[in-house]
Amino acid sequence: MFRIARSSLAASFAAAALAATTLLATPLPAAAQATDTASAPAAAAPAPAPVVAPAPAATTAAVPAAPAEKVDNPYGLEALWRTSDGVAKAVLLILVIMSMGSWYIMIVKILEQAKISRQAKLAAKSFWNAGSVRQGADTLEQASPFRFIAEAGIEATKKHGGLLEHVDLNSWVTMSIQRAMERVQSRLQDGLAFLATVGSTAPFVGLFGTVWGIYHALTAIGVAGQASIDKVAGPVGEALIMTAIGLAVAVPAVLGYNWLVRRNKGAMDEVRAFGNDLYAVLLAQTNVKARG
């Protein structure tokens, strides 16, 4: 009986083993496979590809930045000359000529007045220490106004004959010296009339350019049909530049004229003082000769 039971138990174990083998050999459905895959541990998943750090870029030589491109000013003097018509260019040329003439005259007159001041000091030092008027005149420079006045007085004392004898010698010498001083004064005033003219007319010349520029602005507005800034900026800028140039020409001319007139007055005071002293010396020499 014990053997029969043991044989039955062995048969049961063999049947169970055969059933387990059959179950393992049977393929699982798709849903079951997905469940098994999801439930697998993370260690079974494929490892991510390693991230490779980019290699450092090679150091390149510093390249200097390109200079900024120059932007042309569409409303400057160059643009004004390039885009203006013949009338505006004529106004600009007139103002430039006025300015150049004014500065030339002012520089020349300043140098001339400084030269007269130096010659006055030389006359005061050497002329009056000479033995005679002729010797004193020879010590002065050839182009000196003081020598010109001295020689005019000497000639007046020598050329007092003929019809001139009817004129008193004192009056004749006085008139000769006075004429010489007036010529010196006239020479000193050369160019001052130009400065006065520039100072009084340059603003009006610039104003004419202003009016012409405003006319162009109104014309641009009428042609465009709208008062946009790009249509009127150029002509209005042209008008303002003309006004500024006219004032820049007139103001130095007026200031230079007033300054030179004041300096001429000081120079002529020295010339008149020299002429008066020369007149007294000539009359004294003439009286001495008459007595002798």
Protein backbone atom coordinates (compact mmCIF):
# COMPACT_ATOMS: atom_id res chain seq x y z
CA MET A 1 0.00 0.00 0.00
CA PHE A 2 2.87 2.29 0.81
CA ARG A 3 4.40 1.54 -2.61
CA ILE A 4 1.12 2.28 -4.43
CA ALA A 5 0.86 5.65 -2.69
CA ARG A 6 4.46 6.48 -3.53
CA SER A 7 3.88 5.63 -7.21
CA SER A 8 0.78 7.82 -7.30
CA LEU A 9 2.72 10.72 -5.81
CA ALA A 10 5.48 10.36 -8.41
CA ALA A 11 2.92 10.34 -11.20
CA SER A 12 1.40 13.51 -9.80
CA PHE A 13 4.80 15.23 -9.75
CA ALA A 14 5.45 14.23 -13.37
CA ALA A 15 2.10 15.58 -14.52
CA ALA A 16 2.73 18.89 -12.73
CA ALA A 17 6.16 19.21 -14.32
CA LEU A 18 4.71 18.52 -17.78
CA ALA A 19 2.04 21.20 -17.27
CA ALA A 20 4.62 23.77 -16.16
CA THR A 21 6.79 23.05 -19.19
CA THR A 22 3.83 23.46 -21.53
CA LEU A 23 2.86 26.78 -19.90
CA LEU A 24 6.37 28.24 -20.28
CA ALA A 25 6.55 27.24 -23.91
CA THR A 26 3.29 29.01 -24.78
CA PRO A 27 3.93 32.74 -26.04
CA LEU A 28 2.38 35.48 -23.99
CA PRO A 29 -0.07 37.96 -25.58
CA ALA A 30 1.07 41.53 -26.59
CA ALA A 31 -0.58 43.21 -23.61
CA ALA A 32 1.19 40.92 -21.23
CA GLN A 33 4.54 41.55 -22.93
CA ALA A 34 4.08 45.36 -22.64
CA THR A 35 3.20 44.96 -18.95
CA ASP A 36 6.28 42.94 -18.35
CA THR A 37 8.47 45.40 -20.18
CA ALA A 38 7.09 48.36 -18.19
CA SER A 39 7.54 46.60 -14.93
CA ALA A 40 11.15 45.76 -15.69
CA PRO A 41 13.65 47.54 -13.48
CA ALA A 42 15.30 50.72 -14.68
CA ALA A 43 18.64 49.04 -14.68
CA ALA A 44 17.56 46.88 -17.63
CA ALA A 45 16.82 49.96 -19.80
CA PRO A 46 19.58 50.95 -22.24
CA ALA A 47 21.88 53.61 -20.82
CA PRO A 48 21.65 57.07 -22.47
CA ALA A 49 24.44 58.09 -24.78
CA PRO A 50 27.09 60.12 -22.97
CA VAL A 51 27.03 63.86 -23.62
CA VAL A 52 30.31 64.98 -25.05
CA ALA A 53 31.28 68.55 -24.11
CA PRO A 54 32.19 70.68 -27.10
CA ALA A 55 35.84 71.35 -27.51
CA PRO A 56 36.88 74.92 -26.63
CA ALA A 57 37.11 77.12 -29.66
CA ALA A 58 40.56 78.04 -30.74
CA THR A 59 41.65 81.50 -29.70
CA THR A 60 41.54 83.80 -32.70
CA ALA A 61 43.40 87.04 -33.14
CA ALA A 62 41.43 90.16 -32.20
CA VAL A 63 40.10 91.81 -35.33
CA PRO A 64 39.76 95.61 -35.07
CA ALA A 65 36.23 96.85 -35.47
CA ALA A 66 35.50 98.47 -38.79
CA PRO A 67 35.20 102.27 -38.55
CA ALA A 68 31.71 103.65 -38.54
CA GLU A 69 30.57 104.76 -41.93
CA LYS A 70 30.49 108.54 -42.27
CA VAL A 71 27.00 109.86 -42.75
CA ASP A 72 26.76 112.84 -45.04
CA ASN A 73 24.83 115.79 -43.67
CA PRO A 74 22.12 116.62 -46.22
CA TYR A 75 21.70 120.08 -44.75
CA GLY A 76 25.31 121.29 -44.41
CA LEU A 77 27.27 123.85 -46.37
CA GLU A 78 28.45 121.25 -48.89
CA ALA A 79 24.89 120.10 -49.50
CA LEU A 80 23.77 123.72 -49.74
CA TRP A 81 26.31 124.49 -52.45
CA ARG A 82 25.59 121.24 -54.31
CA THR A 83 21.82 121.58 -54.32
CA SER A 84 21.37 125.36 -54.51
CA ASP A 85 20.60 127.24 -57.70
CA GLY A 86 22.53 130.08 -59.31
CA VAL A 87 20.97 132.83 -57.19
CA ALA A 88 21.89 131.15 -53.91
CA LYS A 89 25.43 130.46 -55.13
CA ALA A 90 25.83 134.10 -56.19
CA VAL A 91 24.72 135.26 -52.73
CA LEU A 92 27.23 132.92 -51.09
CA LEU A 93 30.06 134.14 -53.32
CA ILE A 94 29.23 137.77 -52.55
CA LEU A 95 29.28 137.10 -48.82
CA VAL A 96 32.59 135.21 -49.11
CA ILE A 97 34.17 138.09 -51.05
CA MET A 98 32.90 140.58 -48.49
CA SER A 99 34.34 138.55 -45.64
CA MET A 100 37.74 138.04 -47.29
CA GLY A 101 37.99 141.73 -48.20
CA SER A 102 37.07 142.81 -44.68
CA TRP A 103 39.66 140.62 -43.00
CA TYR A 104 42.34 141.61 -45.51
CA ILE A 105 41.72 145.32 -44.92
CA MET A 106 41.66 144.93 -41.15
CA ILE A 107 44.97 143.05 -41.10
CA VAL A 108 46.66 145.51 -43.47
CA LYS A 109 45.42 148.55 -41.55
CA ILE A 110 46.56 147.13 -38.22
CA LEU A 111 50.05 146.56 -39.62
CA GLU A 112 50.07 150.03 -41.16
CA GLN A 113 49.04 151.71 -37.93
CA ALA A 114 51.69 149.79 -36.00
CA LYS A 115 54.26 150.96 -38.54
CA ILE A 116 53.19 154.60 -38.14
CA SER A 117 53.48 154.31 -34.38
CA ARG A 118 57.03 152.98 -34.75
CA GLN A 119 57.92 155.75 -37.20
CA ALA A 120 56.53 158.37 -34.81
CA LYS A 121 58.89 157.14 -32.10
CA LEU A 122 61.80 157.27 -34.56
CA ALA A 123 60.90 160.83 -35.58
CA ALA A 124 60.72 161.96 -31.97
CA LYS A 125 64.15 160.46 -31.31
CA SER A 126 66.16 161.46 -34.40
CA PHE A 127 64.40 164.25 -36.27
CA TRP A 128 64.43 166.90 -33.60
CA ASN A 129 68.07 166.27 -32.73
CA ALA A 130 69.28 167.12 -36.27
CA GLY A 131 70.92 170.41 -37.18
CA SER A 132 68.32 171.38 -39.80
CA VAL A 133 64.98 170.27 -41.16
CA ARG A 134 66.69 168.77 -44.20
CA GLN A 135 69.09 166.74 -42.10
CA GLY A 136 66.27 165.63 -39.84
CA ALA A 137 64.18 164.49 -42.83
CA ASP A 138 67.09 162.43 -44.14
CA THR A 139 67.19 160.45 -40.89
CA LEU A 140 63.61 159.23 -41.41
CA GLU A 141 62.47 156.28 -43.52
CA GLN A 142 61.67 156.92 -47.16
CA ALA A 143 58.04 155.81 -46.82
CA SER A 144 57.50 157.54 -43.49
CA PRO A 145 54.55 159.99 -43.38
CA PHE A 146 56.63 162.23 -41.11
CA ARG A 147 59.31 162.54 -43.78
CA PHE A 148 56.61 163.30 -46.35
CA ILE A 149 55.32 166.17 -44.19
CA ALA A 150 58.82 167.47 -43.51
CA GLU A 151 59.71 167.52 -47.22
CA ALA A 152 56.40 169.24 -48.02
CA GLY A 153 57.31 172.02 -45.55
CA ILE A 154 60.82 172.34 -47.01
CA GLU A 155 59.44 172.61 -50.55
CA ALA A 156 56.95 175.27 -49.40
CA THR A 157 59.76 177.52 -48.14
CA LYS A 158 61.71 177.09 -51.38
CA LYS A 159 58.82 177.55 -53.82
CA HIS A 160 57.50 180.84 -52.61
CA GLY A 161 57.93 182.85 -55.78
CA GLY A 162 55.94 184.13 -58.73
CA LEU A 163 52.25 184.32 -58.01
CA LEU A 164 52.84 182.59 -54.68
CA GLU A 165 54.63 185.70 -53.45
CA HIS A 166 51.22 187.35 -53.10
CA VAL A 167 50.46 184.78 -50.42
CA ASP A 168 51.96 185.34 -47.00
CA LEU A 169 54.81 182.92 -46.29
CA ASN A 170 53.27 181.84 -43.02
CA SER A 171 49.97 181.08 -44.72
CA TRP A 172 51.69 179.29 -47.58
CA VAL A 173 53.76 177.05 -45.30
CA THR A 174 50.67 176.37 -43.18
CA MET A 175 48.64 175.33 -46.22
CA SER A 176 51.44 173.08 -47.52
CA ILE A 177 51.84 171.26 -44.24
CA GLN A 178 48.06 170.98 -43.87
CA ARG A 179 47.74 169.42 -47.32
CA ALA A 180 50.46 166.89 -46.49
CA MET A 181 48.70 165.91 -43.26
CA GLU A 182 45.37 165.54 -45.09
CA ARG A 183 47.00 163.19 -47.57
CA VAL A 184 48.37 161.10 -44.74
CA GLN A 185 44.92 161.02 -43.15
CA SER A 186 43.36 160.01 -46.46
CA ARG A 187 45.90 157.21 -46.77
CA LEU A 188 45.05 155.98 -43.29
CA GLN A 189 41.35 155.93 -44.13
CA ASP A 190 41.79 153.78 -47.23
CA GLY A 191 39.65 150.68 -46.95
CA LEU A 192 37.50 151.92 -44.09
CA ALA A 193 34.71 152.77 -46.53
CA PHE A 194 34.69 149.13 -47.65
CA LEU A 195 34.35 147.98 -44.05
CA ALA A 196 31.49 150.38 -43.48
CA THR A 197 29.77 149.16 -46.64
CA VAL A 198 30.15 145.51 -45.68
CA GLY A 199 28.92 146.15 -42.16
CA SER A 200 25.78 147.87 -43.40
CA THR A 201 24.92 145.69 -46.40
CA ALA A 202 26.01 142.14 -45.47
CA PRO A 203 22.94 141.51 -43.25
CA PHE A 204 20.66 142.50 -46.11
CA VAL A 205 22.52 140.27 -48.55
CA GLY A 206 22.08 137.38 -46.12
CA LEU A 207 18.43 138.35 -45.69
CA PHE A 208 17.97 138.12 -49.45
CA GLY A 209 19.35 134.58 -49.31
CA THR A 210 16.92 133.86 -46.48
CA VAL A 211 13.96 135.09 -48.51
CA TRP A 212 15.09 133.01 -51.47
CA GLY A 213 15.36 129.91 -49.29
CA ILE A 214 11.88 130.44 -47.86
CA TYR A 215 10.57 130.82 -51.39
CA HIS A 216 12.07 127.42 -52.22
CA ALA A 217 10.45 125.95 -49.10
CA LEU A 218 7.01 127.22 -50.11
CA THR A 219 7.54 125.91 -53.63
CA ALA A 220 8.46 122.46 -52.27
CA ILE A 221 5.32 122.43 -50.13
CA GLY A 222 3.16 123.39 -53.09
CA VAL A 223 4.65 120.72 -55.34
CA ALA A 224 4.44 117.99 -52.71
CA GLY A 225 0.95 118.96 -51.61
CA GLN A 226 1.86 118.45 -47.95
CA ALA A 227 4.01 120.27 -45.43
CA SER A 228 6.18 117.31 -44.43
CA ILE A 229 9.51 117.94 -42.75
CA ASP A 230 11.51 116.22 -45.51
CA LYS A 231 10.12 118.65 -48.07
CA VAL A 232 10.87 121.89 -46.22
CA ALA A 233 13.91 121.05 -44.09
CA GLY A 234 16.42 121.65 -46.89
CA PRO A 235 15.16 125.04 -48.10
CA VAL A 236 14.54 126.30 -44.56
CA GLY A 237 18.03 125.18 -43.54
CA GLU A 238 19.41 127.01 -46.57
CA ALA A 239 17.59 130.15 -45.46
CA LEU A 240 18.96 129.93 -41.92
CA ILE A 241 22.50 129.35 -43.16
CA MET A 242 22.28 132.44 -45.36
CA THR A 243 21.17 134.53 -42.39
CA ALA A 244 23.98 133.22 -40.20
CA ILE A 245 26.63 133.88 -42.87
CA GLY A 246 25.36 137.43 -43.41
CA LEU A 247 25.65 138.18 -39.69
CA ALA A 248 29.06 136.49 -39.47
CA VAL A 249 30.32 138.80 -42.24
CA ALA A 250 28.73 142.01 -40.96
CA VAL A 251 29.64 141.87 -37.26
CA PRO A 252 33.47 141.66 -37.67
CA ALA A 253 33.35 144.39 -40.31
CA VAL A 254 31.48 146.79 -38.00
CA LEU A 255 33.70 146.04 -35.02
CA GLY A 256 36.85 146.35 -37.14
CA TYR A 257 35.69 149.66 -38.61
CA ASN A 258 35.05 151.25 -35.22
CA TRP A 259 38.33 149.98 -33.82
CA LEU A 260 40.40 151.15 -36.79
CA VAL A 261 38.77 154.59 -36.75
CA ARG A 262 39.74 155.01 -33.11
CA ARG A 263 43.32 153.89 -33.82
CA ASN A 264 43.50 156.24 -36.82
CA LYS A 265 42.54 159.11 -34.55
CA GLY A 266 45.46 158.35 -32.26
CA ALA A 267 47.88 158.10 -35.21
CA MET A 268 46.65 161.37 -36.68
CA ASP A 269 47.14 163.11 -33.34
CA GLU A 270 50.85 162.24 -33.55
CA VAL A 271 51.00 163.39 -37.18
CA ARG A 272 49.33 166.73 -36.40
CA ALA A 273 51.59 167.32 -33.44
CA PHE A 274 54.62 166.72 -35.68
CA GLY A 275 53.22 169.06 -38.35
CA ASN A 276 52.57 171.86 -35.89
CA ASP A 277 56.07 171.61 -34.46
CA LEU A 278 57.54 171.51 -37.96
CA TYR A 279 55.60 174.63 -38.92
CA ALA A 280 57.09 176.51 -35.96
CA VAL A 281 60.63 175.36 -36.81
CA LEU A 282 60.31 176.32 -40.50
CA LEU A 283 59.04 179.77 -39.69
CA ALA A 284 61.87 180.29 -37.22
CA GLN A 285 64.47 179.26 -39.82
CA THR A 286 62.88 181.48 -42.45
CA ASN A 287 62.92 184.47 -40.13
CA VAL A 288 66.57 183.83 -39.30
CA LYS A 289 67.48 183.73 -42.99
CA ALA A 290 65.51 186.90 -43.66
CA ARG A 291 67.33 188.72 -40.92
CA GLY A 292 70.68 187.46 -42.03
